[in-house]
Protein backbone atom coordinates (compact mmCIF):
# COMPACT_ATOMS: atom_id res chain seq x y z
CA MET A 1 -33.89 19.02 7.60
CA SER A 2 -32.31 17.98 4.31
CA ALA A 3 -29.15 19.66 3.05
CA GLN A 4 -29.28 22.04 0.12
CA LYS A 5 -28.11 20.46 -3.12
CA TRP A 6 -24.97 21.88 -4.66
CA LEU A 7 -25.54 23.98 -7.76
CA PHE A 8 -23.51 21.70 -10.06
CA THR A 9 -22.84 18.02 -9.58
CA VAL A 10 -21.12 15.39 -11.71
CA GLU A 11 -21.74 11.68 -12.05
CA PRO A 12 -18.95 9.46 -10.71
CA PHE A 13 -17.06 7.32 -13.19
CA GLU A 14 -16.91 3.57 -12.81
CA GLY A 15 -14.12 2.74 -10.36
CA GLU A 16 -13.47 6.38 -9.48
CA LEU A 17 -11.87 7.39 -6.20
CA LEU A 18 -14.00 9.38 -3.74
CA SER A 19 -11.51 12.26 -3.41
CA SER A 20 -11.28 12.48 -7.20
CA TRP A 21 -15.06 12.74 -7.52
CA LEU A 22 -15.29 15.44 -4.82
CA THR A 23 -12.52 17.39 -6.55
CA ARG A 24 -14.40 17.33 -9.85
CA ILE A 25 -17.58 18.54 -8.09
CA ALA A 26 -15.63 21.38 -6.48
CA LYS A 27 -14.24 22.51 -9.82
CA ALA A 28 -17.71 22.35 -11.39
CA ASN A 29 -18.85 24.77 -8.67
CA PHE A 30 -15.80 27.05 -9.15
CA THR A 31 -14.43 26.33 -5.70
CA THR A 32 -12.06 23.95 -3.91
CA VAL A 33 -12.76 20.84 -1.85
CA VAL A 34 -12.15 22.98 1.24
CA GLY A 35 -14.86 25.34 0.01
CA LEU A 36 -17.32 22.45 -0.42
CA PHE A 37 -16.64 21.14 3.07
CA SER A 38 -16.99 24.58 4.64
CA GLN A 39 -20.58 24.90 3.38
CA HIS A 40 -21.95 22.08 5.54
CA TRP A 41 -19.15 21.06 7.89
CA ALA A 42 -17.62 24.38 8.94
CA GLY A 43 -15.63 24.19 12.15
CA LYS A 44 -14.98 20.45 11.77
CA SER A 45 -11.56 19.03 10.91
CA TYR A 46 -12.93 16.68 8.24
CA PHE A 47 -10.75 18.01 5.44
CA ASN A 48 -7.49 17.39 7.31
CA LYS A 49 -8.10 13.64 7.05
CA ASP A 50 -7.55 11.17 4.24
CA ILE A 51 -10.99 11.45 2.67
CA ASP A 52 -10.83 8.02 1.05
CA ILE A 53 -10.39 5.99 4.26
CA TYR A 54 -11.37 8.23 7.19
CA GLU A 55 -14.31 7.07 9.32
CA TYR A 56 -16.75 9.97 8.99
CA PRO A 57 -20.03 9.86 10.97
CA GLU A 58 -23.22 8.63 9.29
CA SER A 59 -24.56 12.19 9.15
CA PHE A 60 -21.66 13.14 6.87
CA TRP A 61 -22.59 10.53 4.26
CA GLN A 62 -26.27 11.42 4.49
CA THR A 63 -25.53 15.10 3.86
CA LEU A 64 -23.15 14.29 1.02
CA SER A 65 -25.79 12.11 -0.62
CA GLU A 66 -28.40 14.87 -0.39
CA CYS A 67 -26.00 17.48 -1.82
CA THR A 68 -25.10 15.35 -4.86
CA ASP A 69 -28.20 13.23 -5.52
CA VAL A 70 -25.98 10.14 -5.43
CA SER A 71 -26.96 7.22 -3.19
CA ILE A 72 -24.93 6.46 -0.06
CA GLU A 73 -24.28 2.94 -1.38
CA ARG A 74 -22.63 4.29 -4.52
CA ILE A 75 -20.60 6.82 -2.53
CA GLN A 76 -19.37 4.05 -0.22
CA GLN A 77 -18.21 2.04 -3.23
CA MET A 78 -15.83 4.87 -4.14
CA ARG A 79 -14.17 4.64 -0.72
CA LEU A 80 -11.17 2.41 -0.05
CA LYS A 81 -13.22 1.08 2.84
CA SER A 82 -14.91 -1.11 0.24
CA TYR A 83 -11.75 -3.28 0.25
CA GLU A 84 -12.22 -4.09 3.93
CA GLY A 85 -12.51 -7.82 4.41
CA TYR A 86 -10.95 -8.43 0.99
CA ILE A 87 -7.33 -7.27 1.24
CA GLN A 88 -7.09 -6.69 5.00
CA GLU A 89 -9.21 -7.03 8.13
CA THR A 90 -9.88 -3.38 8.88
CA ILE A 91 -9.33 -0.18 6.94
CA ASN A 92 -9.44 3.08 8.88
CA GLY A 93 -7.72 6.43 9.06
CA LYS A 94 -5.45 5.44 11.94
CA GLY A 95 -1.86 5.19 10.76
CA LYS A 96 -0.40 3.43 7.74
CA GLN A 97 -2.36 0.68 6.03
CA ARG A 98 -0.90 -2.61 4.85
CA TRP A 99 -1.85 -2.30 1.17
CA ILE A 100 -3.31 1.20 0.83
CA VAL A 101 -1.51 4.44 0.08
CA THR A 102 -2.50 6.90 2.80
CA LEU A 103 -2.24 10.66 2.35
CA SER A 104 -1.63 12.88 5.35
CA HIS A 105 -2.20 16.63 5.53
CA ASP A 106 1.60 17.06 5.67
CA ILE A 107 1.92 15.87 2.08
CA LYS A 108 1.56 19.51 1.05
CA TYR A 109 4.82 20.42 2.74
CA HIS A 110 7.31 17.60 2.08
CA GLN A 111 8.14 15.05 -0.57
CA ARG A 112 8.78 11.97 1.54
CA GLU A 113 5.39 10.36 1.01
CA ARG A 114 4.08 8.50 -1.98
CA GLY A 115 1.11 10.37 -3.37
CA LEU A 116 -1.64 9.48 -5.80
CA CYS A 117 -0.52 7.36 -8.72
CA TYR A 118 -1.84 8.00 -12.20
CA CYS A 119 -1.58 6.72 -15.75
CA PRO A 120 -0.84 9.62 -18.15
CA LEU A 121 -2.82 7.93 -20.92
CA CYS A 122 -5.87 7.23 -18.72
CA LEU A 123 -5.79 10.76 -17.35
CA LYS A 124 -5.69 12.10 -20.90
CA GLU A 125 -8.80 10.10 -21.86
CA ASN A 126 -10.83 11.01 -18.74
CA ALA A 127 -9.59 13.44 -16.10
CA TYR A 128 -10.22 11.43 -12.93
CA TYR A 129 -8.29 9.13 -10.58
CA LYS A 130 -9.15 5.47 -10.17
CA LYS A 131 -9.67 3.81 -6.81
CA GLU A 132 -7.29 0.97 -7.62
CA TRP A 133 -4.43 3.44 -8.11
CA LYS A 134 -4.22 3.85 -4.31
CA LEU A 135 -3.31 0.19 -3.81
CA TYR A 136 0.39 -0.56 -3.28
CA PHE A 137 0.32 -3.61 -5.54
CA VAL A 138 -1.09 -1.63 -8.51
CA ASN A 139 1.97 -0.01 -10.04
CA ALA A 140 1.13 -0.25 -13.74
CA CYS A 141 -1.87 0.39 -15.96
CA THR A 142 -3.25 -2.91 -17.23
CA LYS A 143 -5.20 -1.10 -19.96
CA HIS A 144 -2.36 0.85 -21.60
CA CYS A 145 0.50 -1.43 -20.42
CA CYS A 146 2.62 1.33 -18.89
CA PHE A 147 4.00 2.22 -15.45
CA LEU A 148 1.99 4.48 -13.18
CA GLU A 149 3.53 7.77 -12.10
CA SER A 150 3.42 8.99 -8.49
CA GLN A 151 5.20 12.35 -8.65
CA CYS A 152 5.04 15.60 -10.54
CA PRO A 153 7.39 15.46 -13.56
CA LYS A 154 8.59 19.02 -12.84
CA CYS A 155 8.89 19.54 -9.07
CA GLY A 156 8.85 15.89 -7.94
CA SER A 157 6.09 16.49 -5.38
CA PRO A 158 3.68 13.69 -4.46
CA LEU A 159 0.24 14.16 -5.97
CA ALA A 160 -3.00 14.94 -4.14
CA SER A 161 -5.86 16.23 -6.27
CA VAL A 162 -7.92 17.47 -3.28
CA TYR A 163 -5.44 20.33 -2.73
CA SER A 164 -5.68 21.69 -6.27
CA LEU A 165 -7.07 25.19 -6.86
CA GLU A 166 -10.48 25.87 -8.35
CA ASP A 167 -9.02 26.94 -11.72
CA GLN A 168 -6.66 23.95 -11.99
CA GLY A 169 -7.62 20.88 -13.98
CA MET A 170 -7.28 17.37 -12.61
CA GLU A 171 -4.25 16.87 -14.84
CA PHE A 172 -2.15 19.60 -13.16
CA CYS A 173 0.17 19.46 -10.15
CA PHE A 174 -1.40 21.21 -7.16
CA LYS A 175 1.99 22.57 -6.05
CA CYS A 176 3.72 23.95 -9.16
CA GLY A 177 0.94 23.79 -11.76
CA ALA A 178 2.88 21.56 -14.19
CA ASN A 179 0.88 19.49 -16.65
CA LEU A 180 1.05 15.83 -15.61
CA LEU A 181 0.29 14.75 -19.17
CA ASP A 182 3.68 16.07 -20.33
CA ARG A 183 5.38 13.00 -18.87
CA THR A 184 5.97 10.32 -21.48
CA PRO A 185 4.72 6.98 -20.10
CA ILE A 186 7.19 4.10 -19.83
CA MET A 187 5.64 1.20 -21.69
CA ILE A 188 5.62 -2.44 -20.59
CA PRO A 189 5.34 -5.50 -22.86
CA GLN A 190 1.70 -6.48 -23.21
CA TYR A 191 2.21 -10.03 -21.95
CA SER A 192 4.52 -9.08 -19.09
CA GLU A 193 4.36 -11.33 -16.01
CA GLY A 194 4.15 -8.20 -13.88
CA LEU A 195 0.93 -7.10 -15.58
CA LYS A 196 -0.48 -10.60 -15.19
CA ALA A 197 0.33 -10.44 -11.46
CA ILE A 198 -1.52 -7.11 -11.07
CA ARG A 199 -4.57 -8.45 -12.93
CA ARG A 200 -4.57 -11.52 -10.71
CA LEU A 201 -4.36 -9.47 -7.50
CA LEU A 202 -7.16 -7.14 -8.59
CA SER A 203 -9.29 -10.16 -9.47
CA ILE A 204 -8.68 -11.73 -6.04
CA ALA A 205 -9.43 -8.43 -4.27
CA LYS A 206 -12.72 -8.15 -6.19
CA ARG A 207 -13.88 -11.76 -5.73
CA GLY A 208 -12.83 -12.15 -2.12
CA TYR A 209 -11.31 -15.59 -2.61
CA PHE A 210 -8.53 -17.42 -4.45
CA ILE A 211 -7.82 -21.01 -5.42
CA LEU A 212 -4.65 -22.75 -4.26
CA ASN A 213 -4.00 -26.39 -5.12
CA GLY A 214 -7.64 -26.89 -5.98
CA ARG A 215 -8.99 -25.43 -2.72
CA TRP A 216 -10.71 -22.10 -2.09
CA TYR A 217 -9.45 -19.65 0.54
CA TYR A 218 -10.37 -16.14 1.68
CA SER A 219 -8.53 -13.37 -0.15
CA MET A 220 -7.36 -11.72 3.11
CA SER A 221 -5.05 -14.65 3.83
CA TYR A 222 -3.47 -14.29 0.38
CA PHE A 223 -2.65 -10.61 0.89
CA TYR A 224 -1.46 -11.31 4.43
CA VAL A 225 1.15 -13.78 3.17
CA LEU A 226 1.95 -11.61 0.14
CA ARG A 227 2.96 -8.80 2.50
CA ILE A 228 5.44 -11.15 4.19
CA PHE A 229 6.84 -12.17 0.81
CA THR A 230 7.28 -8.57 -0.36
CA ARG A 231 9.21 -7.70 2.78
CA HIS A 232 11.69 -10.52 2.23
CA MET A 233 11.85 -9.99 -1.50
CA SER A 234 12.99 -6.42 -0.84
CA HIS A 235 15.69 -7.70 1.53
CA ALA A 236 16.95 -10.41 -0.84
CA SER A 237 20.65 -10.22 -1.65
CA TYR A 238 19.93 -10.15 -5.38
CA TRP A 239 17.54 -7.22 -4.93
CA LYS A 240 19.71 -4.92 -7.07
CA LYS A 241 19.13 -7.18 -10.07
CA ILE A 242 15.37 -6.84 -9.60
CA VAL A 243 15.22 -3.05 -9.33
CA GLN A 244 18.12 -2.43 -11.72
CA ASN A 245 20.38 -0.79 -9.13
CA ASP A 246 18.06 2.14 -8.39
CA LEU A 247 17.44 1.37 -4.71
CA LYS A 248 18.76 3.53 -1.89
CA ARG A 249 20.24 1.67 1.05
CA HIS A 250 17.92 3.18 3.66
CA GLN A 251 14.74 2.05 1.88
CA ILE A 252 13.49 -1.13 3.55
CA PHE A 253 9.69 -0.85 3.56
CA PRO A 254 7.54 -1.67 0.49
CA GLU A 255 5.62 1.60 0.69
CA GLN A 256 8.88 3.56 0.31
CA PHE A 257 9.70 2.13 -3.12
CA THR A 258 8.91 3.70 -6.45
CA THR A 259 6.24 2.24 -8.69
CA ARG A 260 8.87 0.58 -10.89
CA GLN A 261 10.58 -1.02 -7.89
CA MET A 262 7.29 -2.23 -6.44
CA PHE A 263 6.26 -3.59 -9.85
CA ARG A 264 9.23 -5.94 -9.81
CA ILE A 265 8.81 -6.85 -6.14
CA ILE A 266 5.14 -7.74 -6.59
CA LYS A 267 5.90 -9.76 -9.73
CA ARG A 268 8.50 -11.90 -7.93
CA SER A 269 6.38 -12.20 -4.78
CA VAL A 270 3.35 -13.48 -6.70
CA GLU A 271 5.57 -16.04 -8.42
CA LEU A 272 6.26 -17.62 -5.01
CA PHE A 273 2.64 -18.82 -4.95
CA GLN A 274 3.20 -20.88 -8.09
CA ASN A 275 3.63 -24.64 -7.68
CA TRP A 276 2.73 -24.21 -4.02
CA PRO A 277 4.54 -24.70 -1.67
CA TYR A 278 7.74 -25.77 -3.43
CA GLN A 279 8.50 -22.42 -5.10
CA PHE A 280 8.34 -20.42 -1.88
CA GLN A 281 10.23 -23.09 0.11
CA TYR A 282 13.00 -23.12 -2.50
CA PHE A 283 13.31 -19.33 -2.34
CA PHE A 284 13.58 -19.22 1.46
CA LYS A 285 16.03 -22.12 1.64
CA ARG A 286 18.19 -20.77 -1.18
CA ARG A 287 18.40 -17.37 0.46
CA LYS A 288 19.00 -19.10 3.83
CA ILE A 289 15.94 -17.46 5.35
CA THR A 290 15.15 -20.34 7.70
CA ASN A 291 14.66 -18.45 10.95
CA LYS A 292 10.94 -18.43 11.76
CA PRO A 293 10.99 -15.27 13.93
CA ARG A 294 12.92 -13.50 11.16
CA ILE A 295 10.41 -14.61 8.51
CA LEU A 296 7.30 -13.64 10.45
CA GLU A 297 8.78 -10.56 12.16
CA LYS A 298 6.02 -8.48 13.79
CA TYR A 299 3.26 -10.93 12.81
CA GLU A 300 4.50 -13.52 15.31
CA ARG A 301 5.23 -11.04 18.07
CA LYS A 302 1.89 -9.26 17.76
CA ASN A 303 -0.60 -12.11 18.18
CA ASN A 304 1.40 -15.35 18.24
CA CYS A 305 0.60 -16.22 14.60
CA ARG A 306 -3.17 -16.37 15.16
CA ASP A 307 -3.84 -14.39 11.97
CA LEU A 308 -1.52 -16.46 9.79
CA PRO A 309 -3.38 -18.97 7.56
CA PHE A 310 -2.80 -22.69 8.13
CA TRP A 311 -2.04 -23.28 4.44
CA PHE A 312 1.03 -21.08 4.91
CA LEU A 313 2.14 -22.13 8.40
CA LYS A 314 2.25 -25.85 7.64
CA PRO A 315 4.72 -25.68 4.71
CA LEU A 316 6.60 -22.93 6.55
CA GLU A 317 7.35 -25.32 9.42
CA GLU A 318 9.01 -27.67 6.93
CA CYS A 319 11.68 -25.18 5.91
CA VAL A 320 12.45 -23.28 9.12
CA GLU A 321 14.68 -23.89 12.08
CA VAL A 322 13.23 -24.26 15.55
CA MET A 323 14.53 -21.34 17.59
CA ARG A 324 14.44 -21.94 21.32
CA PRO A 325 14.44 -19.01 23.78
CA LEU A 326 17.86 -18.01 25.11
CA SER A 327 18.63 -18.71 28.74
CA LYS A 328 19.66 -15.94 31.11
CA GLY A 329 23.21 -17.27 31.25
CA GLU A 330 23.52 -17.31 27.45
CA VAL A 331 22.30 -13.74 27.22
CA GLU A 332 24.78 -12.56 29.83
CA SER A 333 27.66 -14.39 28.10
CA ILE A 334 26.88 -12.82 24.71
CA LYS A 335 26.55 -9.37 26.25
CA ALA A 336 29.87 -9.77 28.03
CA TYR A 337 31.58 -10.89 24.82
CA LEU A 338 30.21 -7.97 22.79
CA SER A 339 31.04 -5.43 25.52
CA LYS A 340 34.62 -6.66 25.62
CA ASN A 341 35.37 -7.22 21.94
CA GLU A 342 32.81 -5.20 19.98
CA LYS A 343 30.11 -2.62 20.35
CA LEU A 344 27.05 -3.93 22.20
CA THR A 345 24.12 -3.35 19.84
CA ALA A 346 20.83 -5.14 19.24
CA LYS A 347 21.81 -5.77 15.61
CA ARG A 348 25.09 -7.51 16.52
CA PHE A 349 23.33 -9.47 19.25
CA ALA A 350 20.80 -10.75 16.69
CA GLU A 351 23.52 -11.65 14.17
CA ILE A 352 25.29 -13.84 16.73
CA THR A 353 22.14 -15.58 17.96
CA GLY A 354 20.37 -15.87 14.59
CA TYR A 355 17.24 -14.13 15.80
CA GLN A 356 15.44 -11.33 14.01
CA TRP A 357 17.35 -8.16 14.94
CA MET A 358 14.41 -6.49 16.70
CA SER A 359 14.48 -9.40 19.17
CA GLY A 360 17.84 -8.06 20.34
CA TYR A 361 16.12 -5.10 21.98
CA ARG A 362 14.05 -7.40 24.20
CA TYR A 363 17.08 -9.41 25.31
CA LEU A 364 19.17 -6.31 25.99
CA LYS A 365 16.58 -4.67 28.24
């Protein structure tokens, strides 16, 4: 039995985000997204998930297509799942994603998460949110050459359009009702290297491949290595010069940075791919990042570098030190020294041995 079509439906914009489209349909029917879901999926916890990446059953997409007269293929294109195989191997609703901003149900109650980004000028032209605005490496609008905003200008809450009330427009904060268009956008020079980097990344994510030294490679490998670069760029000793001294000491993960901070990190990280591999080797040697376990961090521990591309591993071997495993006697000697002279911690253990500090936990067990 086919589902009953909703009274009012709207056509999705090109490049629109799924949650944005559902929000506009809800407002056209004078209800909320919760109200839409309760008509056909009452008693199911579908709404408590991140709509843009959650793995709903096939029956959900079939019903949604019948209610809106929009094909399943077009609906799937609005999901962030469409980036699967382009920017990372799998995209699902389980935990944080490598390059995708995920929204939990708790975003309504605290301000620690990064919410939906938006361009005030784009939102003023057409009240909808673009799919690319939920990618961590998109921190500026390439059309209007300005930074994206990720918080309400009045209350500072992260944004999530699906929680807005039926009488609120897309351009209002769901929490305090402030008009998001009141924020004056911070402009960027038209020919900024940061904007060029964003355009390049979006082009690679769309094509599914990139060219390095005259050879073609899958785009997933590019974003895999870019993630490693962004981690070390954020830890660089001259980081304060990049973000203009607006970084808090406890912030160490890329997804915790503001859009302006990430804009500068991404710009510098993309530059490491230029003149490959000499630019990236110079950066790591200059910053004395020559410890392979420290460079690869969890990537090496998780699957023994099987996911790392060969075009990155080969030049990496030329600028790293070979770190042999510590013997039992060496471990006991270092532990005895720290217990006698200092406080025995995994961080101090790693500083003495030169290993990545998380390795200290394994040796201290």
